[in-house]
């Protein structure tokens, strides 16, 4: 479980960083050179999710959603300097609980 959480966390950071690189280029008018690390980061994100031990990709992606939202809120706060408001926190909590249900819910074989 700890290994999966580490992989999910790394994947989230890679995805947020990759998307942010495109954001900086397209929304903030920075150099197109920002796209290169963005592409590398997004490729790393996709590769990392393949390392999760699961029979179904969709379940991996659904469970990952909670980690992604938490990482995005952390990025907002720590890297962009915008403190999350109560709605950010409530929304992230709802998504995180949903991802935990998907990840830890009992399965019939």
PDB file of N, CA and C in Angstrom:
ATOM      1  N   UNK A   1       0.812  -1.204   0.000  1.00  0.00           N
ATOM      2  CA  UNK A   1       0.000   0.000   0.000  1.00  0.00           C
ATOM      3  C   UNK A   1       0.852   1.262   0.000  1.00  0.00           C
ATOM      4  N   UNK A   2       1.933   1.244   0.790  1.00  0.00           N
ATOM      5  CA  UNK A   2       2.814   2.415   0.846  1.00  0.00           C
ATOM      6  C   UNK A   2       3.465   2.661  -0.516  1.00  0.00           C
ATOM      7  N   UNK A   3       3.803   1.568  -1.211  1.00  0.00           N
ATOM      8  CA  UNK A   3       4.403   1.702  -2.541  1.00  0.00           C
ATOM      9  C   UNK A   3       3.422   2.357  -3.508  1.00  0.00           C
ATOM     10  N   UNK A   4       2.162   1.923  -3.463  1.00  0.00           N
ATOM     11  CA  UNK A   4       1.142   2.493  -4.347  1.00  0.00           C
ATOM     12  C   UNK A   4       0.937   3.975  -4.049  1.00  0.00           C
ATOM     13  N   UNK A   5       0.908   4.334  -2.774  1.00  0.00           N
ATOM     14  CA  UNK A   5       0.726   5.738  -2.409  1.00  0.00           C
ATOM     15  C   UNK A   5       1.889   6.580  -2.916  1.00  0.00           C
ATOM     16  N   UNK A   6       3.091   6.061  -2.825  1.00  0.00           N
ATOM     17  CA  UNK A   6       4.264   6.774  -3.343  1.00  0.00           C
ATOM     18  C   UNK A   6       4.166   6.949  -4.858  1.00  0.00           C
ATOM     19  N   UNK A   7       3.760   5.894  -5.554  1.00  0.00           N
ATOM     20  CA  UNK A   7       3.616   5.978  -7.013  1.00  0.00           C
ATOM     21  C   UNK A   7       2.531   6.987  -7.379  1.00  0.00           C
ATOM     22  N   UNK A   8       1.378   6.901  -6.705  1.00  0.00           N
ATOM     23  CA  UNK A   8       0.295   7.850  -6.965  1.00  0.00           C
ATOM     24  C   UNK A   8       0.752   9.291  -6.711  1.00  0.00           C
ATOM     25  N   UNK A   9       1.485   9.511  -5.643  1.00  0.00           N
ATOM     26  CA  UNK A   9       1.956  10.860  -5.316  1.00  0.00           C
ATOM     27  C   UNK A   9       2.919  11.375  -6.379  1.00  0.00           C
ATOM     28  N   UNK A  10       3.840  10.532  -6.793  1.00  0.00           N
ATOM     29  CA  UNK A  10       4.778  10.937  -7.851  1.00  0.00           C
ATOM     30  C   UNK A  10       4.042  11.206  -9.164  1.00  0.00           C
ATOM     31  N   UNK A  11       3.072  10.359  -9.472  1.00  0.00           N
ATOM     32  CA  UNK A  11       2.287  10.558 -10.701  1.00  0.00           C
ATOM     33  C   UNK A  11       1.539  11.884 -10.647  1.00  0.00           C
ATOM     34  N   UNK A  12       0.964  12.193  -9.506  1.00  0.00           N
ATOM     35  CA  UNK A  12       0.222  13.456  -9.367  1.00  0.00           C
ATOM     36  C   UNK A  12       1.142  14.651  -9.548  1.00  0.00           C
ATOM     37  N   UNK A  13       2.297  14.606  -8.924  1.00  0.00           N
ATOM     38  CA  UNK A  13       3.242  15.720  -9.088  1.00  0.00           C
ATOM     39  C   UNK A  13       3.679  15.856 -10.538  1.00  0.00           C
ATOM     40  N   UNK A  14       3.903  14.728 -11.198  1.00  0.00           N
ATOM     41  CA  UNK A  14       4.299  14.774 -12.609  1.00  0.00           C
ATOM     42  C   UNK A  14       3.181  15.346 -13.477  1.00  0.00           C
ATOM     43  N   UNK A  15       1.945  14.934 -13.205  1.00  0.00           N
ATOM     44  CA  UNK A  15       0.833  15.438 -14.021  1.00  0.00           C
ATOM     45  C   UNK A  15       0.589  16.923 -13.785  1.00  0.00           C
ATOM     46  N   UNK A  16       0.563  17.334 -12.536  1.00  0.00           N
ATOM     47  CA  UNK A  16       0.326  18.753 -12.242  1.00  0.00           C
ATOM     48  C   UNK A  16       1.459  19.604 -12.816  1.00  0.00           C
ATOM     49  N   UNK A  17       2.693  19.155 -12.658  1.00  0.00           N
ATOM     50  CA  UNK A  17       3.832  19.908 -13.199  1.00  0.00           C
ATOM     51  C   UNK A  17       3.763  19.981 -14.724  1.00  0.00           C
ATOM     52  N   UNK A  18       3.401  18.874 -15.361  1.00  0.00           N
ATOM     53  CA  UNK A  18       3.301  18.870 -16.818  1.00  0.00           C
ATOM     54  C   UNK A  18       2.220  19.796 -17.324  1.00  0.00           C
ATOM     55  N   UNK A  19       1.069  19.748 -16.688  1.00  0.00           N
ATOM     56  CA  UNK A  19      -0.020  20.644 -17.085  1.00  0.00           C
ATOM     57  C   UNK A  19       0.318  22.095 -16.781  1.00  0.00           C
ATOM     58  N   UNK A  20       0.994  22.331 -15.666  1.00  0.00           N
ATOM     59  CA  UNK A  20       1.388  23.687 -15.301  1.00  0.00           C
ATOM     60  C   UNK A  20       2.353  24.275 -16.332  1.00  0.00           C
ATOM     61  N   UNK A  21       3.238  23.438 -16.868  1.00  0.00           N
ATOM     62  CA  UNK A  21       4.178  23.921 -17.895  1.00  0.00           C
ATOM     63  C   UNK A  21       3.409  24.454 -19.106  1.00  0.00           C
ATOM     64  N   UNK A  22       2.369  23.745 -19.516  1.00  0.00           N
ATOM     65  CA  UNK A  22       1.548  24.230 -20.628  1.00  0.00           C
ATOM     66  C   UNK A  22       0.784  25.491 -20.233  1.00  0.00           C
ATOM     67  N   UNK A  23       0.297  25.542 -19.003  1.00  0.00           N
ATOM     68  CA  UNK A  23      -0.411  26.716 -18.490  1.00  0.00           C
ATOM     69  C   UNK A  23       0.495  27.949 -18.568  1.00  0.00           C
ATOM     70  N   UNK A  24       1.719  27.789 -18.092  1.00  0.00           N
ATOM     71  CA  UNK A  24       2.669  28.909 -18.081  1.00  0.00           C
ATOM     72  C   UNK A  24       2.937  29.386 -19.507  1.00  0.00           C
ATOM     73  N   UNK A  25       3.078  28.450 -20.428  1.00  0.00           N
ATOM     74  CA  UNK A  25       3.332  28.820 -21.819  1.00  0.00           C
ATOM     75  C   UNK A  25       2.124  29.516 -22.436  1.00  0.00           C
ATOM     76  N   UNK A  26       0.952  28.886 -22.342  1.00  0.00           N
ATOM     77  CA  UNK A  26      -0.212  29.391 -23.053  1.00  0.00           C
ATOM     78  C   UNK A  26      -0.941  30.522 -22.337  1.00  0.00           C
ATOM     79  N   UNK A  27      -0.989  30.486 -21.013  1.00  0.00           N
ATOM     80  CA  UNK A  27      -1.746  31.499 -20.274  1.00  0.00           C
ATOM     81  C   UNK A  27      -0.891  32.647 -19.777  1.00  0.00           C
ATOM     82  N   UNK A  28       0.385  32.366 -19.522  1.00  0.00           N
ATOM     83  CA  UNK A  28       1.259  33.412 -18.971  1.00  0.00           C
ATOM     84  C   UNK A  28       2.237  33.962 -19.999  1.00  0.00           C
ATOM     85  N   UNK A  29       2.136  33.496 -21.240  1.00  0.00           N
ATOM     86  CA  UNK A  29       2.952  34.041 -22.314  1.00  0.00           C
ATOM     87  C   UNK A  29       4.435  33.736 -22.211  1.00  0.00           C
ATOM     88  N   UNK A  30       4.789  32.660 -21.537  1.00  0.00           N
ATOM     89  CA  UNK A  30       6.206  32.290 -21.434  1.00  0.00           C
ATOM     90  C   UNK A  30       6.649  31.575 -22.702  1.00  0.00           C
ATOM     91  N   UNK A  31       7.918  31.312 -22.776  1.00  0.00           N
ATOM     92  CA  UNK A  31       8.527  30.678 -23.940  1.00  0.00           C
ATOM     93  C   UNK A  31       7.934  29.293 -24.206  1.00  0.00           C
ATOM     94  N   UNK A  32       7.809  28.928 -25.489  1.00  0.00           N
ATOM     95  CA  UNK A  32       7.357  27.574 -25.826  1.00  0.00           C
ATOM     96  C   UNK A  32       8.303  26.483 -25.322  1.00  0.00           C
ATOM     97  N   UNK A  33       9.483  26.862 -24.906  1.00  0.00           N
ATOM     98  CA  UNK A  33      10.432  25.904 -24.340  1.00  0.00           C
ATOM     99  C   UNK A  33       9.832  25.216 -23.106  1.00  0.00           C
ATOM    100  N   UNK A  34       8.890  25.868 -22.441  1.00  0.00           N
ATOM    101  CA  UNK A  34       8.209  25.284 -21.285  1.00  0.00           C
ATOM    102  C   UNK A  34       7.492  23.986 -21.648  1.00  0.00           C
ATOM    103  N   UNK A  35       7.141  23.827 -22.926  1.00  0.00           N
ATOM    104  CA  UNK A  35       6.418  22.634 -23.358  1.00  0.00           C
ATOM    105  C   UNK A  35       7.278  21.368 -23.215  1.00  0.00           C
ATOM    106  N   UNK A  36       8.562  21.483 -23.438  1.00  0.00           N
ATOM    107  CA  UNK A  36       9.433  20.297 -23.401  1.00  0.00           C
ATOM    108  C   UNK A  36       9.428  19.597 -22.037  1.00  0.00           C
ATOM    109  N   UNK A  37       9.707  20.299 -20.942  1.00  0.00           N
ATOM    110  CA  UNK A  37       9.623  19.597 -19.656  1.00  0.00           C
ATOM    111  C   UNK A  37       8.188  19.169 -19.334  1.00  0.00           C
ATOM    112  N   UNK A  38       7.222  19.909 -19.863  1.00  0.00           N
ATOM    113  CA  UNK A  38       5.831  19.528 -19.668  1.00  0.00           C
ATOM    114  C   UNK A  38       5.523  18.177 -20.298  1.00  0.00           C
ATOM    115  N   UNK A  39       5.997  17.975 -21.505  1.00  0.00           N
ATOM    116  CA  UNK A  39       5.792  16.696 -22.195  1.00  0.00           C
ATOM    117  C   UNK A  39       6.485  15.563 -21.445  1.00  0.00           C
ATOM    118  N   UNK A  40       7.722  15.795 -21.050  1.00  0.00           N
ATOM    119  CA  UNK A  40       8.464  14.768 -20.302  1.00  0.00           C
ATOM    120  C   UNK A  40       7.723  14.416 -19.012  1.00  0.00           C
ATOM    121  N   UNK A  41       7.242  15.425 -18.339  1.00  0.00           N
ATOM    122  CA  UNK A  41       6.528  15.219 -17.094  1.00  0.00           C
ATOM    123  C   UNK A  41       5.233  14.432 -17.307  1.00  0.00           C
ATOM    124  N   UNK A  42       4.495  14.736 -18.357  1.00  0.00           N
ATOM    125  CA  UNK A  42       3.250  14.022 -18.632  1.00  0.00           C
ATOM    126  C   UNK A  42       3.500  12.576 -19.061  1.00  0.00           C
ATOM    127  N   UNK A  43       4.587  12.333 -19.766  1.00  0.00           N
ATOM    128  CA  UNK A  43       4.960  10.957 -20.107  1.00  0.00           C
ATOM    129  C   UNK A  43       5.313  10.187 -18.828  1.00  0.00           C
ATOM    130  N   UNK A  44       6.053  10.825 -17.935  1.00  0.00           N
ATOM    131  CA  UNK A  44       6.393  10.188 -16.655  1.00  0.00           C
ATOM    132  C   UNK A  44       5.124   9.870 -15.862  1.00  0.00           C
ATOM    133  N   UNK A  45       4.172  10.780 -15.864  1.00  0.00           N
ATOM    134  CA  UNK A  45       2.897  10.563 -15.193  1.00  0.00           C
ATOM    135  C   UNK A  45       2.208   9.298 -15.713  1.00  0.00           C
ATOM    136  N   UNK A  46       2.092   9.181 -17.019  1.00  0.00           N
ATOM    137  CA  UNK A  46       1.414   8.024 -17.616  1.00  0.00           C
ATOM    138  C   UNK A  46       2.167   6.735 -17.292  1.00  0.00           C
ATOM    139  N   UNK A  47       3.473   6.762 -17.378  1.00  0.00           N
ATOM    140  CA  UNK A  47       4.284   5.583 -17.067  1.00  0.00           C
ATOM    141  C   UNK A  47       4.123   5.181 -15.609  1.00  0.00           C
ATOM    142  N   UNK A  48       4.148   6.150 -14.709  1.00  0.00           N
ATOM    143  CA  UNK A  48       4.023   5.845 -13.284  1.00  0.00           C
ATOM    144  C   UNK A  48       2.718   5.121 -12.971  1.00  0.00           C
ATOM    145  N   UNK A  49       1.624   5.531 -13.590  1.00  0.00           N
ATOM    146  CA  UNK A  49       0.353   4.861 -13.302  1.00  0.00           C
ATOM    147  C   UNK A  49       0.351   3.407 -13.755  1.00  0.00           C
ATOM    148  N   UNK A  50       1.174   3.062 -14.734  1.00  0.00           N
ATOM    149  CA  UNK A  50       1.241   1.659 -15.155  1.00  0.00           C
ATOM    150  C   UNK A  50       1.936   0.790 -14.112  1.00  0.00           C
ATOM    151  N   UNK A  51       2.608   1.398 -13.146  1.00  0.00           N
ATOM    152  CA  UNK A  51       3.309   0.639 -12.109  1.00  0.00           C
ATOM    153  C   UNK A  51       2.400   0.206 -10.965  1.00  0.00           C
ATOM    154  N   UNK A  52       1.167   0.705 -10.942  1.00  0.00           N
ATOM    155  CA  UNK A  52       0.215   0.333  -9.893  1.00  0.00           C
ATOM    156  C   UNK A  52      -0.284  -1.100 -10.170  1.00  0.00           C
ATOM    157  N   UNK A  53      -0.267  -1.914  -9.138  1.00  0.00           N
ATOM    158  CA  UNK A  53      -0.699  -3.305  -9.261  1.00  0.00           C
ATOM    159  C   UNK A  53      -2.231  -3.380  -9.243  1.00  0.00           C
ATOM    160  N   UNK A  54      -2.806  -3.563 -10.415  1.00  0.00           N
ATOM    161  CA  UNK A  54      -4.262  -3.665 -10.545  1.00  0.00           C
ATOM    162  C   UNK A  54      -4.589  -4.384 -11.842  1.00  0.00           C
ATOM    163  N   UNK A  55      -5.698  -5.082 -11.838  1.00  0.00           N
ATOM    164  CA  UNK A  55      -6.141  -5.756 -13.061  1.00  0.00           C
ATOM    165  C   UNK A  55      -6.864  -4.809 -14.016  1.00  0.00           C
ATOM    166  N   UNK A  56      -7.274  -3.645 -13.510  1.00  0.00           N
ATOM    167  CA  UNK A  56      -8.088  -2.728 -14.313  1.00  0.00           C
ATOM    168  C   UNK A  56      -7.527  -1.313 -14.287  1.00  0.00           C
ATOM    169  N   UNK A  57      -7.239  -0.791 -15.454  1.00  0.00           N
ATOM    170  CA  UNK A  57      -6.699   0.565 -15.556  1.00  0.00           C
ATOM    171  C   UNK A  57      -7.692   1.600 -15.042  1.00  0.00           C
ATOM    172  N   UNK A  58      -8.967   1.422 -15.359  1.00  0.00           N
ATOM    173  CA  UNK A  58      -9.976   2.393 -14.944  1.00  0.00           C
ATOM    174  C   UNK A  58     -10.037   2.568 -13.438  1.00  0.00           C
ATOM    175  N   UNK A  59      -9.870   1.472 -12.702  1.00  0.00           N
ATOM    176  CA  UNK A  59      -9.895   1.560 -11.244  1.00  0.00           C
ATOM    177  C   UNK A  59      -8.658   2.308 -10.736  1.00  0.00           C
ATOM    178  N   UNK A  60      -7.533   2.077 -11.366  1.00  0.00           N
ATOM    179  CA  UNK A  60      -6.306   2.811 -11.005  1.00  0.00           C
ATOM    180  C   UNK A  60      -6.528   4.298 -11.216  1.00  0.00           C
ATOM    181  N   UNK A  61      -7.090   4.671 -12.360  1.00  0.00           N
ATOM    182  CA  UNK A  61      -7.307   6.082 -12.676  1.00  0.00           C
ATOM    183  C   UNK A  61      -8.312   6.714 -11.721  1.00  0.00           C
ATOM    184  N   UNK A  62      -9.371   5.983 -11.400  1.00  0.00           N
ATOM    185  CA  UNK A  62     -10.393   6.514 -10.501  1.00  0.00           C
ATOM    186  C   UNK A  62      -9.828   6.744  -9.103  1.00  0.00           C
ATOM    187  N   UNK A  63      -9.087   5.774  -8.592  1.00  0.00           N
ATOM    188  CA  UNK A  63      -8.484   5.931  -7.264  1.00  0.00           C
ATOM    189  C   UNK A  63      -7.455   7.059  -7.273  1.00  0.00           C
ATOM    190  N   UNK A  64      -6.727   7.184  -8.381  1.00  0.00           N
ATOM    191  CA  UNK A  64      -5.721   8.236  -8.520  1.00  0.00           C
ATOM    192  C   UNK A  64      -6.348   9.632  -8.454  1.00  0.00           C
ATOM    193  N   UNK A  65      -7.602   9.753  -8.845  1.00  0.00           N
ATOM    194  CA  UNK A  65      -8.264  11.061  -8.868  1.00  0.00           C
ATOM    195  C   UNK A  65      -8.182  11.797  -7.543  1.00  0.00           C
ATOM    196  N   UNK A  66      -8.339  11.081  -6.442  1.00  0.00           N
ATOM    197  CA  UNK A  66      -8.253  11.720  -5.123  1.00  0.00           C
ATOM    198  C   UNK A  66      -6.869  12.276  -4.837  1.00  0.00           C
ATOM    199  N   UNK A  67      -5.863  11.516  -5.214  1.00  0.00           N
ATOM    200  CA  UNK A  67      -4.480  11.966  -5.016  1.00  0.00           C
ATOM    201  C   UNK A  67      -4.213  13.183  -5.892  1.00  0.00           C
ATOM    202  N   UNK A  68      -4.711  13.149  -7.124  1.00  0.00           N
ATOM    203  CA  UNK A  68      -4.516  14.269  -8.043  1.00  0.00           C
ATOM    204  C   UNK A  68      -5.125  15.556  -7.494  1.00  0.00           C
ATOM    205  N   UNK A  69      -6.337  15.472  -6.982  1.00  0.00           N
ATOM    206  CA  UNK A  69      -6.999  16.662  -6.446  1.00  0.00           C
ATOM    207  C   UNK A  69      -6.226  17.204  -5.239  1.00  0.00           C
ATOM    208  N   UNK A  70      -5.812  16.316  -4.351  1.00  0.00           N
ATOM    209  CA  UNK A  70      -5.028  16.754  -3.184  1.00  0.00           C
ATOM    210  C   UNK A  70      -3.723  17.412  -3.617  1.00  0.00           C
ATOM    211  N   UNK A  71      -3.049  16.825  -4.601  1.00  0.00           N
ATOM    212  CA  UNK A  71      -1.798  17.399  -5.103  1.00  0.00           C
ATOM    213  C   UNK A  71      -2.048  18.750  -5.770  1.00  0.00           C
ATOM    214  N   UNK A  72      -3.165  18.877  -6.469  1.00  0.00           N
ATOM    215  CA  UNK A  72      -3.489  20.151  -7.124  1.00  0.00           C
ATOM    216  C   UNK A  72      -3.740  21.256  -6.104  1.00  0.00           C
ATOM    217  N   UNK A  73      -4.430  20.930  -5.024  1.00  0.00           N
ATOM    218  CA  UNK A  73      -4.675  21.913  -3.965  1.00  0.00           C
ATOM    219  C   UNK A  73      -3.355  22.291  -3.291  1.00  0.00           C
ATOM    220  N   UNK A  74      -2.500  21.301  -3.060  1.00  0.00           N
ATOM    221  CA  UNK A  74      -1.181  21.593  -2.476  1.00  0.00           C
ATOM    222  C   UNK A  74      -0.362  22.482  -3.415  1.00  0.00           C
ATOM    223  N   UNK A  75      -0.422  22.205  -4.711  1.00  0.00           N
ATOM    224  CA  UNK A  75       0.294  23.019  -5.714  1.00  0.00           C
ATOM    225  C   UNK A  75      -0.222  24.460  -5.663  1.00  0.00           C
ATOM    226  N   UNK A  76      -1.548  24.602  -5.630  1.00  0.00           N
ATOM    227  CA  UNK A  76      -2.177  25.919  -5.539  1.00  0.00           C
ATOM    228  C   UNK A  76      -1.611  26.708  -4.365  1.00  0.00           C
ATOM    229  N   UNK A  77      -1.514  26.043  -3.230  1.00  0.00           N
ATOM    230  CA  UNK A  77      -1.096  26.713  -2.005  1.00  0.00           C
ATOM    231  C   UNK A  77       0.403  26.970  -1.967  1.00  0.00           C
ATOM    232  N   UNK A  78       1.193  25.925  -2.157  1.00  0.00           N
ATOM    233  CA  UNK A  78       2.629  26.037  -1.922  1.00  0.00           C
ATOM    234  C   UNK A  78       3.422  26.588  -3.099  1.00  0.00           C
ATOM    235  N   UNK A  79       2.982  26.352  -4.320  1.00  0.00           N
ATOM    236  CA  UNK A  79       3.744  26.826  -5.469  1.00  0.00           C
ATOM    237  C   UNK A  79       3.158  28.064  -6.122  1.00  0.00           C
ATOM    238  N   UNK A  80       1.837  28.216  -6.035  1.00  0.00           N
ATOM    239  CA  UNK A  80       1.226  29.401  -6.624  1.00  0.00           C
ATOM    240  C   UNK A  80       0.908  30.469  -5.585  1.00  0.00           C
ATOM    241  N   UNK A  81       1.012  30.110  -4.321  1.00  0.00           N
ATOM    242  CA  UNK A  81       0.830  31.087  -3.252  1.00  0.00           C
ATOM    243  C   UNK A  81      -0.600  31.487  -2.975  1.00  0.00           C
ATOM    244  N   UNK A  82      -1.573  30.706  -3.452  1.00  0.00           N
ATOM    245  CA  UNK A  82      -2.980  31.010  -3.191  1.00  0.00           C
ATOM    246  C   UNK A  82      -3.499  30.025  -2.149  1.00  0.00           C
ATOM    247  N   UNK A  83      -3.851  30.529  -1.000  1.00  0.00           N
ATOM    248  CA  UNK A  83      -4.335  29.657   0.073  1.00  0.00           C
ATOM    249  C   UNK A  83      -5.702  29.077  -0.309  1.00  0.00           C
ATOM    250  N   UNK A  84      -5.857  27.748  -0.207  1.00  0.00           N
ATOM    251  CA  UNK A  84      -7.150  27.136  -0.525  1.00  0.00           C
ATOM    252  C   UNK A  84      -8.238  27.661   0.412  1.00  0.00           C
ATOM    253  N   UNK A  85      -9.433  27.882  -0.140  1.00  0.00           N
ATOM    254  CA  UNK A  85     -10.545  28.306   0.713  1.00  0.00           C
ATOM    255  C   UNK A  85     -11.311  27.068   1.187  1.00  0.00           C
ATOM    256  N   UNK A  86     -12.348  27.296   1.963  1.00  0.00           N
ATOM    257  CA  UNK A  86     -13.066  26.154   2.544  1.00  0.00           C
ATOM    258  C   UNK A  86     -13.693  25.278   1.480  1.00  0.00           C
ATOM    259  N   UNK A  87     -14.080  25.840   0.346  1.00  0.00           N
ATOM    260  CA  UNK A  87     -14.703  25.048  -0.708  1.00  0.00           C
ATOM    261  C   UNK A  87     -13.674  24.178  -1.416  1.00  0.00           C
ATOM    262  N   UNK A  88     -12.451  24.677  -1.538  1.00  0.00           N
ATOM    263  CA  UNK A  88     -11.376  23.836  -2.065  1.00  0.00           C
ATOM    264  C   UNK A  88     -11.167  22.629  -1.161  1.00  0.00           C
ATOM    265  N   UNK A  89     -11.130  22.879   0.138  1.00  0.00           N
ATOM    266  CA  UNK A  89     -10.886  21.810   1.112  1.00  0.00           C
ATOM    267  C   UNK A  89     -12.057  20.823   1.156  1.00  0.00           C
ATOM    268  N   UNK A  90     -13.282  21.344   1.182  1.00  0.00           N
ATOM    269  CA  UNK A  90     -14.455  20.462   1.208  1.00  0.00           C
ATOM    270  C   UNK A  90     -14.502  19.613  -0.070  1.00  0.00           C
ATOM    271  N   UNK A  91     -14.307  20.236  -1.202  1.00  0.00           N
ATOM    272  CA  UNK A  91     -14.330  19.493  -2.467  1.00  0.00           C
ATOM    273  C   UNK A  91     -13.241  18.440  -2.538  1.00  0.00           C
ATOM    274  N   UNK A  92     -12.035  18.796  -2.115  1.00  0.00           N
ATOM    275  CA  UNK A  92     -10.930  17.838  -2.118  1.00  0.00           C
ATOM    276  C   UNK A  92     -11.221  16.676  -1.181  1.00  0.00           C
ATOM    277  N   UNK A  93     -11.824  16.964  -0.053  1.00  0.00           N
ATOM    278  CA  UNK A  93     -12.157  15.912   0.910  1.00  0.00           C
ATOM    279  C   UNK A  93     -13.179  14.947   0.324  1.00  0.00           C
ATOM    280  N   UNK A  94     -14.195  15.480  -0.323  1.00  0.00           N
ATOM    281  CA  UNK A  94     -15.221  14.628  -0.939  1.00  0.00           C
ATOM    282  C   UNK A  94     -14.586  13.714  -1.994  1.00  0.00           C
ATOM    283  N   UNK A  95     -13.742  14.276  -2.833  1.00  0.00           N
ATOM    284  CA  UNK A  95     -13.092  13.482  -3.876  1.00  0.00           C
ATOM    285  C   UNK A  95     -12.178  12.427  -3.257  1.00  0.00           C
ATOM    286  N   UNK A  96     -11.434  12.824  -2.225  1.00  0.00           N
ATOM    287  CA  UNK A  96     -10.505  11.907  -1.575  1.00  0.00           C
ATOM    288  C   UNK A  96     -11.256  10.739  -0.927  1.00  0.00           C
ATOM    289  N   UNK A  97     -12.371  11.030  -0.284  1.00  0.00           N
ATOM    290  CA  UNK A  97     -13.191   9.962   0.316  1.00  0.00           C
ATOM    291  C   UNK A  97     -13.712   9.032  -0.782  1.00  0.00           C
ATOM    292  N   UNK A  98     -14.160   9.593  -1.880  1.00  0.00           N
ATOM    293  CA  UNK A  98     -14.623   8.777  -2.999  1.00  0.00           C
ATOM    294  C   UNK A  98     -13.523   7.880  -3.550  1.00  0.00           C
ATOM    295  N   UNK A  99     -12.331   8.423  -3.684  1.00  0.00           N
ATOM    296  CA  UNK A  99     -11.205   7.617  -4.168  1.00  0.00           C
ATOM    297  C   UNK A  99     -10.867   6.505  -3.186  1.00  0.00           C
ATOM    298  N   UNK A 100     -10.954   6.791  -1.886  1.00  0.00           N
ATOM    299  CA  UNK A 100     -10.681   5.758  -0.873  1.00  0.00           C
ATOM    300  C   UNK A 100     -11.711   4.643  -0.949  1.00  0.00           C
ATOM    301  N   UNK A 101     -12.963   4.990  -1.208  1.00  0.00           N
ATOM    302  CA  UNK A 101     -14.014   3.971  -1.351  1.00  0.00           C
ATOM    303  C   UNK A 101     -13.690   3.076  -2.550  1.00  0.00           C
ATOM    304  N   UNK A 102     -13.300   3.672  -3.645  1.00  0.00           N
ATOM    305  CA  UNK A 102     -12.942   2.900  -4.841  1.00  0.00           C
ATOM    306  C   UNK A 102     -11.732   2.009  -4.550  1.00  0.00           C
ATOM    307  N   UNK A 103     -10.748   2.555  -3.890  1.00  0.00           N
ATOM    308  CA  UNK A 103      -9.505   1.827  -3.634  1.00  0.00           C
ATOM    309  C   UNK A 103      -9.670   0.729  -2.602  1.00  0.00           C
ATOM    310  N   UNK A 104     -10.384   0.993  -1.529  1.00  0.00           N
ATOM    311  CA  UNK A 104     -10.442   0.045  -0.406  1.00  0.00           C
ATOM    312  C   UNK A 104     -11.764  -0.712  -0.281  1.00  0.00           C
ATOM    313  N   UNK A 105     -12.725  -0.404  -1.135  1.00  0.00           N
ATOM    314  CA  UNK A 105     -14.014  -1.080  -1.044  1.00  0.00           C
ATOM    315  C   UNK A 105     -13.882  -2.580  -1.256  1.00  0.00           C
ATOM    316  N   UNK A 106     -14.710  -3.349  -0.546  1.00  0.00           N
ATOM    317  CA  UNK A 106     -14.639  -4.815  -0.705  1.00  0.00           C
ATOM    318  C   UNK A 106     -15.068  -5.217  -2.118  1.00  0.00           C
ATOM    319  N   UNK A 107     -14.358  -6.143  -2.663  1.00  0.00           N
ATOM    320  CA  UNK A 107     -14.614  -6.612  -4.026  1.00  0.00           C
ATOM    321  C   UNK A 107     -15.004  -8.082  -3.990  1.00  0.00           C
ATOM    322  N   UNK A 108     -15.965  -8.434  -4.780  1.00  0.00           N
ATOM    323  CA  UNK A 108     -16.261  -9.855  -4.943  1.00  0.00           C
ATOM    324  C   UNK A 108     -15.386 -10.371  -6.074  1.00  0.00           C
ATOM    325  N   UNK A 109     -14.881 -11.543  -5.903  1.00  0.00           N
ATOM    326  CA  UNK A 109     -13.954 -12.083  -6.917  1.00  0.00           C
ATOM    327  C   UNK A 109     -14.621 -12.828  -8.005  1.00  0.00           C
TER     328      UNK A 109
END
